[in-house]
N, C-alpha and C. Protein backbone atom coordinates (compact mmCIF):
# COMPACT_ATOMS: atom_id res chain seq x y z
N MET A 1 66.58 133.55 92.53
CA MET A 1 65.73 132.68 93.34
C MET A 1 64.60 132.14 92.51
N ILE A 2 64.01 133.04 91.76
CA ILE A 2 62.91 132.62 90.87
C ILE A 2 63.43 131.65 89.84
N PHE A 3 64.63 131.91 89.38
CA PHE A 3 65.25 131.04 88.37
C PHE A 3 65.48 129.64 88.93
N LEU A 4 65.90 129.54 90.17
CA LEU A 4 66.15 128.26 90.83
C LEU A 4 64.88 127.47 90.98
N LYS A 5 63.82 128.15 91.42
CA LYS A 5 62.52 127.48 91.57
C LYS A 5 62.02 126.95 90.25
N THR A 6 62.27 127.80 89.24
CA THR A 6 61.80 127.39 87.91
C THR A 6 62.54 126.16 87.46
N ASN A 7 63.85 126.11 87.65
CA ASN A 7 64.65 124.96 87.25
C ASN A 7 64.28 123.71 88.04
N LEU A 8 64.01 123.93 89.36
CA LEU A 8 63.61 122.78 90.21
C LEU A 8 62.29 122.19 89.75
N LYS A 9 61.38 123.07 89.35
CA LYS A 9 60.08 122.63 88.89
C LYS A 9 60.22 121.85 87.60
N LYS A 10 61.08 122.40 86.71
CA LYS A 10 61.30 121.70 85.44
C LYS A 10 61.92 120.34 85.69
N GLY A 11 62.89 120.32 86.63
CA GLY A 11 63.54 119.05 86.94
C GLY A 11 62.56 118.05 87.50
N SER A 12 61.66 118.55 88.37
CA SER A 12 60.65 117.68 88.97
C SER A 12 59.72 117.15 87.91
N ASP A 13 59.35 118.01 86.97
CA ASP A 13 58.44 117.56 85.88
C ASP A 13 59.11 116.48 85.02
N VAL A 14 60.40 116.70 84.75
CA VAL A 14 61.13 115.70 83.93
C VAL A 14 61.20 114.37 84.63
N MET A 15 61.51 114.41 85.95
CA MET A 15 61.59 113.17 86.73
C MET A 15 60.25 112.46 86.76
N SER A 16 59.23 113.27 86.95
CA SER A 16 57.88 112.70 86.99
C SER A 16 57.55 112.05 85.67
N LYS A 17 57.96 112.72 84.59
CA LYS A 17 57.69 112.18 83.25
C LYS A 17 58.45 110.88 83.05
N LYS A 18 59.68 110.84 83.50
CA LYS A 18 60.48 109.61 83.38
C LYS A 18 59.88 108.48 84.18
N ASN A 19 59.41 108.85 85.41
CA ASN A 19 58.78 107.81 86.24
C ASN A 19 57.55 107.23 85.56
N GLU A 20 56.78 108.12 84.94
CA GLU A 20 55.59 107.64 84.24
C GLU A 20 55.96 106.71 83.08
N ASN A 21 57.04 107.13 82.38
CA ASN A 21 57.48 106.27 81.26
C ASN A 21 57.95 104.90 81.75
N ILE A 22 58.70 104.94 82.85
CA ILE A 22 59.20 103.68 83.43
C ILE A 22 58.04 102.79 83.86
N ASN A 23 57.07 103.44 84.56
CA ASN A 23 55.91 102.67 85.02
C ASN A 23 55.15 102.06 83.83
N GLU A 24 55.07 102.87 82.76
CA GLU A 24 54.36 102.38 81.56
C GLU A 24 55.08 101.20 80.95
N GLU A 25 56.42 101.28 80.89
CA GLU A 25 57.21 100.19 80.34
C GLU A 25 57.10 98.93 81.19
N VAL A 26 57.14 99.13 82.51
CA VAL A 26 56.99 97.99 83.43
C VAL A 26 55.64 97.32 83.24
N LYS A 27 54.60 98.18 83.12
CA LYS A 27 53.25 97.66 82.92
C LYS A 27 53.16 96.88 81.62
N ASN A 28 53.77 97.49 80.57
CA ASN A 28 53.75 96.81 79.28
C ASN A 28 54.51 95.47 79.33
N ALA A 29 55.61 95.46 80.04
CA ALA A 29 56.40 94.23 80.18
C ALA A 29 55.62 93.17 80.92
N GLU A 30 54.93 93.59 81.99
CA GLU A 30 54.12 92.64 82.75
C GLU A 30 53.00 92.07 81.88
N GLU A 31 52.35 92.95 81.08
CA GLU A 31 51.27 92.48 80.22
C GLU A 31 51.80 91.50 79.16
N THR A 32 52.99 91.85 78.65
CA THR A 32 53.61 90.96 77.65
C THR A 32 53.92 89.60 78.26
N ALA A 33 54.44 89.62 79.49
CA ALA A 33 54.74 88.36 80.17
C ALA A 33 53.47 87.54 80.39
N GLU A 34 52.39 88.22 80.77
CA GLU A 34 51.10 87.53 80.97
C GLU A 34 50.61 86.92 79.66
N ASP A 35 50.76 87.72 78.58
CA ASP A 35 50.32 87.21 77.27
C ASP A 35 51.12 85.97 76.88
N ILE A 36 52.44 86.02 77.12
CA ILE A 36 53.29 84.87 76.80
C ILE A 36 52.88 83.65 77.62
N LYS A 37 52.61 83.90 78.91
CA LYS A 37 52.21 82.81 79.80
C LYS A 37 50.89 82.20 79.35
N ASP A 38 49.94 83.09 79.00
CA ASP A 38 48.63 82.62 78.53
C ASP A 38 48.78 81.80 77.24
N THR A 39 49.66 82.30 76.37
CA THR A 39 49.88 81.59 75.10
C THR A 39 50.46 80.20 75.34
N GLU A 40 51.44 80.13 76.25
CA GLU A 40 52.05 78.83 76.58
C GLU A 40 51.02 77.90 77.19
N THR A 41 50.19 78.48 78.09
CA THR A 41 49.15 77.65 78.73
C THR A 41 48.16 77.11 77.70
N LYS A 42 47.76 78.01 76.78
CA LYS A 42 46.82 77.60 75.73
C LYS A 42 47.46 76.54 74.83
N GLY A 43 48.78 76.71 74.56
CA GLY A 43 49.48 75.74 73.72
C GLY A 43 49.51 74.37 74.37
N GLU A 44 49.81 74.35 75.68
CA GLU A 44 49.83 73.08 76.40
C GLU A 44 48.44 72.45 76.42
N THR A 45 47.42 73.31 76.65
CA THR A 45 46.04 72.80 76.66
C THR A 45 45.66 72.26 75.30
N SER A 46 46.05 72.96 74.22
CA SER A 46 45.75 72.52 72.87
C SER A 46 46.45 71.21 72.57
N LYS A 47 47.68 71.07 73.02
CA LYS A 47 48.43 69.83 72.81
C LYS A 47 47.77 68.67 73.53
N GLU A 48 47.37 68.93 74.78
CA GLU A 48 46.67 67.89 75.54
C GLU A 48 45.37 67.50 74.86
N THR A 49 44.66 68.51 74.32
CA THR A 49 43.39 68.23 73.62
C THR A 49 43.62 67.38 72.39
N GLU A 50 44.69 67.71 71.62
CA GLU A 50 45.01 66.94 70.42
C GLU A 50 45.36 65.50 70.78
N GLU A 51 46.17 65.35 71.86
CA GLU A 51 46.54 64.01 72.29
C GLU A 51 45.31 63.22 72.72
N THR A 52 44.39 63.91 73.42
CA THR A 52 43.15 63.25 73.84
C THR A 52 42.31 62.82 72.63
N LYS A 53 42.25 63.73 71.63
CA LYS A 53 41.50 63.41 70.41
C LYS A 53 42.12 62.22 69.69
N GLU A 54 43.47 62.21 69.62
CA GLU A 54 44.15 61.10 68.95
C GLU A 54 43.90 59.79 69.68
N ALA A 55 43.97 59.83 71.01
CA ALA A 55 43.72 58.62 71.80
C ALA A 55 42.29 58.12 71.59
N THR A 56 41.34 59.06 71.56
CA THR A 56 39.93 58.69 71.34
C THR A 56 39.74 58.08 69.95
N ALA A 57 40.40 58.67 68.94
CA ALA A 57 40.30 58.15 67.57
C ALA A 57 40.89 56.74 67.49
N ASP A 58 42.04 56.53 68.15
CA ASP A 58 42.66 55.21 68.15
C ASP A 58 41.75 54.17 68.80
N ASP A 59 41.11 54.57 69.90
CA ASP A 59 40.18 53.67 70.58
C ASP A 59 39.00 53.30 69.68
N LYS A 60 38.48 54.30 68.96
CA LYS A 60 37.36 54.05 68.05
C LYS A 60 37.77 53.13 66.91
N ILE A 61 38.97 53.36 66.36
CA ILE A 61 39.47 52.51 65.28
C ILE A 61 39.63 51.07 65.76
N ALA A 62 40.20 50.92 66.95
CA ALA A 62 40.38 49.57 67.51
C ALA A 62 39.03 48.91 67.74
N GLU A 63 38.07 49.69 68.22
CA GLU A 63 36.73 49.15 68.45
C GLU A 63 36.07 48.71 67.14
N LEU A 64 36.22 49.55 66.09
CA LEU A 64 35.65 49.20 64.78
C LEU A 64 36.32 47.97 64.19
N GLU A 65 37.64 47.88 64.32
CA GLU A 65 38.35 46.71 63.81
C GLU A 65 37.90 45.45 64.52
N ALA A 66 37.71 45.52 65.83
CA ALA A 66 37.23 44.36 66.59
C ALA A 66 35.83 43.98 66.14
N SER A 67 34.99 45.00 65.89
CA SER A 67 33.62 44.73 65.44
C SER A 67 33.62 44.08 64.06
N VAL A 68 34.48 44.58 63.16
CA VAL A 68 34.58 44.00 61.81
C VAL A 68 35.05 42.55 61.89
N ALA A 69 36.04 42.28 62.73
CA ALA A 69 36.55 40.91 62.88
C ALA A 69 35.47 39.99 63.43
N ASP A 70 34.67 40.50 64.36
CA ASP A 70 33.59 39.71 64.95
C ASP A 70 32.53 39.38 63.90
N TRP A 71 32.14 40.40 63.12
CA TRP A 71 31.13 40.17 62.08
C TRP A 71 31.66 39.25 60.99
N LYS A 72 32.95 39.37 60.65
CA LYS A 72 33.56 38.50 59.65
C LYS A 72 33.54 37.05 60.13
N ASP A 73 33.86 36.85 61.40
CA ASP A 73 33.84 35.50 61.96
C ASP A 73 32.42 34.92 61.94
N LYS A 74 31.44 35.75 62.32
CA LYS A 74 30.05 35.29 62.29
C LYS A 74 29.61 34.96 60.87
N TYR A 75 30.03 35.78 59.91
CA TYR A 75 29.67 35.55 58.51
C TYR A 75 30.27 34.23 58.00
N GLN A 76 31.54 34.00 58.33
CA GLN A 76 32.19 32.77 57.88
C GLN A 76 31.53 31.55 58.51
N ARG A 77 31.18 31.65 59.80
CA ARG A 77 30.50 30.53 60.46
C ARG A 77 29.13 30.28 59.82
N LEU A 78 28.41 31.37 59.53
CA LEU A 78 27.09 31.25 58.92
C LEU A 78 27.19 30.61 57.54
N MET A 79 28.19 31.02 56.74
CA MET A 79 28.36 30.44 55.42
C MET A 79 28.72 28.96 55.51
N ALA A 80 29.54 28.61 56.50
CA ALA A 80 29.91 27.20 56.67
C ALA A 80 28.68 26.37 57.05
N GLU A 81 27.85 26.91 57.97
CA GLU A 81 26.63 26.21 58.36
C GLU A 81 25.68 26.08 57.18
N PHE A 82 25.59 27.14 56.37
CA PHE A 82 24.71 27.11 55.20
C PHE A 82 25.19 26.06 54.20
N GLU A 83 26.50 25.99 53.97
CA GLU A 83 27.05 25.01 53.03
C GLU A 83 26.82 23.59 53.52
N ASN A 84 26.99 23.37 54.84
CA ASN A 84 26.74 22.04 55.40
C ASN A 84 25.27 21.66 55.28
N ALA A 85 24.40 22.64 55.53
CA ALA A 85 22.96 22.39 55.41
C ALA A 85 22.57 22.09 53.97
N ARG A 86 23.19 22.82 53.02
CA ARG A 86 22.91 22.59 51.60
C ARG A 86 23.33 21.19 51.19
N LYS A 87 24.53 20.78 51.59
CA LYS A 87 25.02 19.45 51.25
C LYS A 87 24.15 18.36 51.90
N ARG A 88 23.78 18.60 53.16
CA ARG A 88 22.95 17.61 53.86
C ARG A 88 21.58 17.48 53.20
N THR A 89 21.00 18.62 52.80
CA THR A 89 19.69 18.60 52.13
C THR A 89 19.78 17.89 50.79
N ALA A 90 20.85 18.18 50.04
CA ALA A 90 21.04 17.53 48.73
C ALA A 90 21.22 16.02 48.90
N LYS A 91 21.98 15.62 49.92
CA LYS A 91 22.19 14.19 50.18
C LYS A 91 20.89 13.51 50.57
N GLU A 92 20.11 14.16 51.44
CA GLU A 92 18.83 13.59 51.85
C GLU A 92 17.87 13.48 50.67
N ALA A 93 17.88 14.49 49.79
CA ALA A 93 17.01 14.45 48.61
C ALA A 93 17.40 13.30 47.69
N THR A 94 18.72 13.09 47.53
CA THR A 94 19.20 11.99 46.69
C THR A 94 18.81 10.65 47.30
N GLN A 95 18.95 10.55 48.61
CA GLN A 95 18.59 9.30 49.29
C GLN A 95 17.09 9.01 49.15
N ARG A 96 16.26 10.05 49.29
CA ARG A 96 14.81 9.85 49.13
C ARG A 96 14.49 9.43 47.70
N TYR A 97 15.16 10.05 46.73
CA TYR A 97 14.95 9.69 45.33
C TYR A 97 15.36 8.24 45.09
N ASP A 98 16.53 7.86 45.61
CA ASP A 98 17.02 6.49 45.41
C ASP A 98 16.08 5.47 46.05
N MET A 99 15.57 5.78 47.24
CA MET A 99 14.64 4.85 47.90
C MET A 99 13.37 4.67 47.08
N GLY A 100 12.85 5.78 46.56
CA GLY A 100 11.66 5.70 45.72
C GLY A 100 11.93 4.95 44.43
N ALA A 101 13.08 5.22 43.82
CA ALA A 101 13.44 4.55 42.57
C ALA A 101 13.63 3.06 42.79
N MET A 102 14.27 2.69 43.90
CA MET A 102 14.50 1.28 44.18
C MET A 102 13.18 0.52 44.34
N GLY A 103 12.18 1.17 44.96
CA GLY A 103 10.88 0.52 45.11
C GLY A 103 10.23 0.22 43.78
N VAL A 104 10.37 1.13 42.82
CA VAL A 104 9.78 0.94 41.48
C VAL A 104 10.60 -0.07 40.68
N LEU A 105 11.91 0.10 40.68
CA LEU A 105 12.78 -0.77 39.87
C LEU A 105 12.73 -2.22 40.33
N GLU A 106 12.61 -2.43 41.62
CA GLU A 106 12.54 -3.80 42.13
C GLU A 106 11.32 -4.54 41.59
N LYS A 107 10.22 -3.81 41.39
CA LYS A 107 9.00 -4.43 40.86
C LYS A 107 9.12 -4.76 39.38
N LEU A 108 10.11 -4.17 38.69
CA LEU A 108 10.32 -4.47 37.28
C LEU A 108 11.23 -5.68 37.06
N LEU A 109 11.93 -6.10 38.10
CA LEU A 109 12.86 -7.22 37.95
C LEU A 109 12.17 -8.52 37.55
N PRO A 110 10.99 -8.86 38.09
CA PRO A 110 10.31 -10.08 37.62
C PRO A 110 9.98 -10.06 36.14
N VAL A 111 9.79 -8.87 35.57
CA VAL A 111 9.54 -8.78 34.13
C VAL A 111 10.78 -9.23 33.36
N ILE A 112 11.97 -8.80 33.83
CA ILE A 112 13.23 -9.25 33.21
C ILE A 112 13.38 -10.75 33.36
N ASP A 113 13.05 -11.27 34.56
CA ASP A 113 13.12 -12.72 34.80
C ASP A 113 12.26 -13.48 33.79
N ASN A 114 11.05 -13.01 33.56
CA ASN A 114 10.13 -13.69 32.63
C ASN A 114 10.62 -13.61 31.20
N PHE A 115 11.22 -12.47 30.81
CA PHE A 115 11.82 -12.37 29.49
C PHE A 115 12.90 -13.45 29.32
N GLU A 116 13.77 -13.55 30.32
CA GLU A 116 14.88 -14.50 30.23
C GLU A 116 14.39 -15.95 30.21
N ARG A 117 13.40 -16.27 31.04
CA ARG A 117 12.82 -17.63 31.05
C ARG A 117 12.18 -17.95 29.70
N GLY A 118 11.46 -16.95 29.17
CA GLY A 118 10.80 -17.18 27.89
C GLY A 118 11.80 -17.40 26.76
N LEU A 119 12.88 -16.64 26.74
CA LEU A 119 13.88 -16.79 25.68
C LEU A 119 14.66 -18.09 25.84
N GLU A 120 14.88 -18.52 27.09
CA GLU A 120 15.57 -19.79 27.31
C GLU A 120 14.72 -20.99 26.87
N ALA A 121 13.40 -20.80 26.91
CA ALA A 121 12.49 -21.90 26.54
C ALA A 121 12.25 -22.01 25.04
N VAL A 122 12.74 -21.06 24.27
CA VAL A 122 12.55 -21.10 22.82
C VAL A 122 13.37 -22.25 22.22
N SER A 123 12.73 -23.01 21.37
CA SER A 123 13.42 -24.14 20.72
C SER A 123 14.37 -23.62 19.64
N GLU A 124 15.25 -24.51 19.20
CA GLU A 124 16.23 -24.16 18.19
C GLU A 124 15.55 -23.77 16.87
N ASP A 125 14.42 -24.41 16.57
CA ASP A 125 13.73 -24.12 15.32
C ASP A 125 13.07 -22.74 15.32
N GLU A 126 12.74 -22.25 16.52
CA GLU A 126 12.01 -20.97 16.62
C GLU A 126 12.92 -19.76 16.85
N LYS A 127 14.18 -20.00 17.10
CA LYS A 127 15.09 -18.90 17.45
C LYS A 127 15.23 -17.86 16.35
N ASP A 128 15.11 -18.28 15.12
CA ASP A 128 15.29 -17.35 13.99
C ASP A 128 13.98 -16.72 13.52
N SER A 129 12.89 -17.02 14.22
CA SER A 129 11.60 -16.47 13.79
C SER A 129 11.53 -14.98 14.11
N ALA A 130 10.69 -14.27 13.36
CA ALA A 130 10.55 -12.82 13.54
C ALA A 130 10.00 -12.49 14.92
N PHE A 131 9.11 -13.34 15.43
CA PHE A 131 8.52 -13.10 16.75
C PHE A 131 9.59 -13.14 17.83
N VAL A 132 10.41 -14.20 17.78
CA VAL A 132 11.47 -14.36 18.80
C VAL A 132 12.49 -13.23 18.67
N LYS A 133 12.84 -12.86 17.45
CA LYS A 133 13.77 -11.74 17.25
C LYS A 133 13.21 -10.45 17.83
N GLY A 134 11.88 -10.24 17.67
CA GLY A 134 11.25 -9.04 18.23
C GLY A 134 11.30 -9.05 19.75
N ILE A 135 11.06 -10.24 20.35
CA ILE A 135 11.12 -10.36 21.82
C ILE A 135 12.54 -10.08 22.32
N GLU A 136 13.53 -10.58 21.60
CA GLU A 136 14.92 -10.34 21.98
C GLU A 136 15.27 -8.85 21.94
N GLN A 137 14.76 -8.17 20.91
CA GLN A 137 15.02 -6.74 20.79
C GLN A 137 14.37 -5.97 21.94
N ILE A 138 13.15 -6.36 22.31
CA ILE A 138 12.47 -5.69 23.44
C ILE A 138 13.22 -5.95 24.74
N TYR A 139 13.69 -7.17 24.92
CA TYR A 139 14.45 -7.53 26.13
C TYR A 139 15.74 -6.71 26.21
N LYS A 140 16.47 -6.62 25.11
CA LYS A 140 17.72 -5.85 25.10
C LYS A 140 17.47 -4.37 25.38
N GLN A 141 16.39 -3.85 24.79
CA GLN A 141 16.07 -2.44 25.03
C GLN A 141 15.70 -2.21 26.49
N PHE A 142 14.95 -3.14 27.06
CA PHE A 142 14.53 -3.03 28.46
C PHE A 142 15.73 -3.06 29.39
N THR A 143 16.65 -4.01 29.19
CA THR A 143 17.83 -4.11 30.06
C THR A 143 18.75 -2.90 29.87
N ALA A 144 18.81 -2.35 28.64
CA ALA A 144 19.64 -1.16 28.41
C ALA A 144 19.10 0.04 29.18
N VAL A 145 17.77 0.17 29.19
CA VAL A 145 17.14 1.26 29.95
C VAL A 145 17.42 1.09 31.44
N MET A 146 17.33 -0.13 31.94
CA MET A 146 17.59 -0.39 33.35
C MET A 146 19.04 -0.04 33.71
N GLU A 147 19.97 -0.37 32.82
CA GLU A 147 21.37 -0.03 33.07
C GLU A 147 21.58 1.48 33.09
N ASP A 148 20.89 2.19 32.20
CA ASP A 148 20.98 3.66 32.19
C ASP A 148 20.47 4.25 33.50
N LEU A 149 19.53 3.58 34.13
CA LEU A 149 18.98 4.03 35.41
C LEU A 149 19.85 3.63 36.60
N GLY A 150 20.89 2.83 36.34
CA GLY A 150 21.80 2.43 37.42
C GLY A 150 21.61 1.01 37.90
N VAL A 151 20.79 0.21 37.20
CA VAL A 151 20.52 -1.17 37.61
C VAL A 151 21.45 -2.10 36.85
N THR A 152 22.27 -2.87 37.58
CA THR A 152 23.20 -3.80 36.95
C THR A 152 23.08 -5.17 37.61
N PRO A 153 23.17 -6.26 36.82
CA PRO A 153 23.06 -7.62 37.39
C PRO A 153 24.32 -8.02 38.13
N MET A 154 24.15 -8.85 39.15
CA MET A 154 25.29 -9.42 39.86
C MET A 154 25.76 -10.67 39.12
N ASP A 155 27.02 -10.93 39.25
CA ASP A 155 27.59 -12.16 38.70
C ASP A 155 28.08 -12.98 39.88
N ALA A 156 27.22 -13.82 40.44
CA ALA A 156 27.53 -14.50 41.70
C ALA A 156 28.21 -15.84 41.51
N GLN A 157 27.91 -16.55 40.45
CA GLN A 157 28.39 -17.92 40.29
C GLN A 157 29.91 -17.98 40.25
N GLY A 158 30.46 -18.91 41.06
CA GLY A 158 31.91 -19.10 41.12
C GLY A 158 32.61 -18.16 42.10
N LYS A 159 31.88 -17.28 42.72
CA LYS A 159 32.47 -16.34 43.68
C LYS A 159 32.20 -16.78 45.11
N GLU A 160 32.95 -16.23 46.03
CA GLU A 160 32.76 -16.57 47.44
C GLU A 160 31.43 -16.02 47.93
N PHE A 161 30.76 -16.81 48.74
CA PHE A 161 29.46 -16.40 49.26
C PHE A 161 29.61 -15.16 50.15
N ASP A 162 28.73 -14.18 49.91
CA ASP A 162 28.71 -12.94 50.68
C ASP A 162 27.28 -12.69 51.11
N ALA A 163 27.05 -12.77 52.42
CA ALA A 163 25.68 -12.61 52.94
C ALA A 163 25.10 -11.24 52.63
N ASN A 164 25.94 -10.26 52.37
CA ASN A 164 25.45 -8.93 52.02
C ASN A 164 24.89 -8.87 50.60
N LEU A 165 25.32 -9.83 49.78
CA LEU A 165 24.89 -9.82 48.37
C LEU A 165 24.05 -11.04 47.99
N HIS A 166 24.27 -12.15 48.69
CA HIS A 166 23.67 -13.41 48.29
C HIS A 166 22.70 -13.94 49.35
N ASN A 167 21.74 -14.68 48.86
CA ASN A 167 20.77 -15.36 49.73
C ASN A 167 20.88 -16.86 49.46
N ALA A 168 21.52 -17.58 50.39
CA ALA A 168 21.76 -19.02 50.19
C ALA A 168 20.49 -19.80 50.52
N VAL A 169 20.02 -20.57 49.54
CA VAL A 169 18.79 -21.38 49.75
C VAL A 169 19.09 -22.87 49.66
N MET A 170 20.28 -23.21 49.15
CA MET A 170 20.65 -24.62 49.04
C MET A 170 22.13 -24.77 49.35
N HIS A 171 22.50 -26.01 49.78
CA HIS A 171 23.89 -26.32 50.09
C HIS A 171 24.24 -27.64 49.43
N VAL A 172 25.37 -27.68 48.75
CA VAL A 172 25.81 -28.91 48.07
C VAL A 172 27.27 -29.19 48.39
N GLU A 173 27.65 -30.48 48.24
CA GLU A 173 29.04 -30.88 48.37
C GLU A 173 29.61 -31.04 46.98
N ASP A 174 30.69 -30.34 46.70
CA ASP A 174 31.31 -30.40 45.37
C ASP A 174 32.82 -30.28 45.55
N ASP A 175 33.52 -31.38 45.24
CA ASP A 175 34.98 -31.39 45.41
C ASP A 175 35.69 -30.47 44.42
N ASP A 176 35.02 -30.13 43.33
CA ASP A 176 35.64 -29.28 42.33
C ASP A 176 35.60 -27.79 42.72
N LEU A 177 34.81 -27.47 43.72
CA LEU A 177 34.67 -26.08 44.16
C LEU A 177 35.27 -25.92 45.56
N GLY A 178 35.75 -24.72 45.85
CA GLY A 178 36.29 -24.44 47.17
C GLY A 178 35.19 -24.30 48.21
N GLU A 179 35.63 -24.06 49.43
CA GLU A 179 34.67 -23.91 50.52
C GLU A 179 33.96 -22.56 50.45
N ASN A 180 32.65 -22.63 50.66
CA ASN A 180 31.83 -21.42 50.72
C ASN A 180 31.80 -20.68 49.37
N ILE A 181 31.81 -21.44 48.29
CA ILE A 181 31.77 -20.88 46.93
C ILE A 181 30.37 -21.07 46.35
N VAL A 182 29.89 -20.07 45.63
CA VAL A 182 28.58 -20.15 45.00
C VAL A 182 28.66 -21.15 43.83
N ALA A 183 27.92 -22.26 43.97
CA ALA A 183 27.94 -23.29 42.93
C ALA A 183 26.99 -22.95 41.80
N GLU A 184 25.88 -22.32 42.13
CA GLU A 184 24.89 -22.00 41.09
C GLU A 184 24.05 -20.80 41.52
N GLU A 185 23.73 -19.97 40.56
CA GLU A 185 22.86 -18.82 40.81
C GLU A 185 21.45 -19.20 40.35
N LEU A 186 20.55 -19.35 41.32
CA LEU A 186 19.20 -19.78 41.01
C LEU A 186 18.32 -18.61 40.56
N GLN A 187 18.57 -17.47 41.11
CA GLN A 187 17.85 -16.25 40.67
C GLN A 187 18.84 -15.09 40.68
N LYS A 188 18.91 -14.38 39.57
CA LYS A 188 19.90 -13.31 39.40
C LYS A 188 19.61 -12.15 40.37
N GLY A 189 20.67 -11.69 40.97
CA GLY A 189 20.56 -10.52 41.84
C GLY A 189 20.94 -9.26 41.09
N TYR A 190 20.49 -8.12 41.62
CA TYR A 190 20.75 -6.84 40.95
C TYR A 190 21.19 -5.79 41.96
N MET A 191 22.04 -4.88 41.43
CA MET A 191 22.48 -3.72 42.21
C MET A 191 21.85 -2.46 41.62
N TYR A 192 21.50 -1.53 42.52
CA TYR A 192 21.10 -0.18 42.06
C TYR A 192 22.17 0.79 42.56
N LYS A 193 23.01 1.23 41.62
CA LYS A 193 24.18 2.04 41.97
C LYS A 193 25.04 1.25 42.95
N GLU A 194 25.15 1.70 44.20
CA GLU A 194 25.97 0.98 45.17
C GLU A 194 25.12 0.20 46.18
N ASN A 195 23.82 0.14 45.96
CA ASN A 195 22.90 -0.54 46.88
C ASN A 195 22.39 -1.84 46.27
N VAL A 196 22.13 -2.81 47.13
CA VAL A 196 21.57 -4.07 46.69
C VAL A 196 20.09 -3.87 46.40
N LEU A 197 19.71 -4.10 45.13
CA LEU A 197 18.31 -3.99 44.75
C LEU A 197 17.58 -5.31 45.01
N ARG A 198 18.25 -6.40 44.69
CA ARG A 198 17.72 -7.73 45.01
C ARG A 198 18.88 -8.68 45.21
N HIS A 199 18.87 -9.45 46.31
CA HIS A 199 19.92 -10.42 46.58
C HIS A 199 19.86 -11.56 45.58
N SER A 200 21.02 -12.09 45.26
CA SER A 200 21.07 -13.27 44.39
C SER A 200 20.66 -14.50 45.19
N MET A 201 19.79 -15.30 44.61
CA MET A 201 19.40 -16.56 45.25
C MET A 201 20.35 -17.64 44.75
N VAL A 202 21.13 -18.20 45.68
CA VAL A 202 22.25 -19.05 45.25
C VAL A 202 22.27 -20.40 45.95
N LYS A 203 23.05 -21.31 45.33
CA LYS A 203 23.37 -22.62 45.90
C LYS A 203 24.84 -22.59 46.27
N VAL A 204 25.15 -22.87 47.54
CA VAL A 204 26.52 -22.73 48.05
C VAL A 204 27.15 -24.10 48.21
N ALA A 205 28.40 -24.21 47.80
CA ALA A 205 29.13 -25.48 47.88
C ALA A 205 29.97 -25.54 49.15
N ASN A 206 30.02 -26.79 49.68
CA ASN A 206 30.92 -27.12 50.81
C ASN A 206 30.68 -26.22 52.01
């Protein structure tokens, strides 16, 4: 009887021990499952965070590219405006210079006229004199300087009358000339570059 009780007690202890082991294994399995679940959840959260970071970075890059394109456009517009302003300023400065130069050069034209009248009035006997030769040299030097400055004489005689270049003061009938042709240049006209410095005073035929 004592032996039976002893065996029953031992059997009960063994069963109890097995139950404890089973419970421990179940507990460990549950904890492992929880750990796996937590890991998966953290992985999904980490993936979502990475995707969010990538989306944010893409947005920032797109924003920076748009800003760079905007500043580039503004820079190109500013440079174009600056270049136009520079050209306009240079053109205006040239125009002011030409207007000032024309005012001075026009006042020198009567000096050329007087040189030419004086040389035309020299007699045949005086043409070879040292004085006349000196006057001719001064006249040639003066006209050369004027040409270097952009002043050139018009050649109006025999050409069609042009009110933009010529100033008609007389009218004649001449069968040898066509209609509206300059018969004679009474006073030489001059150009300064592409501008009329002084109109030619002319006699127009027919």
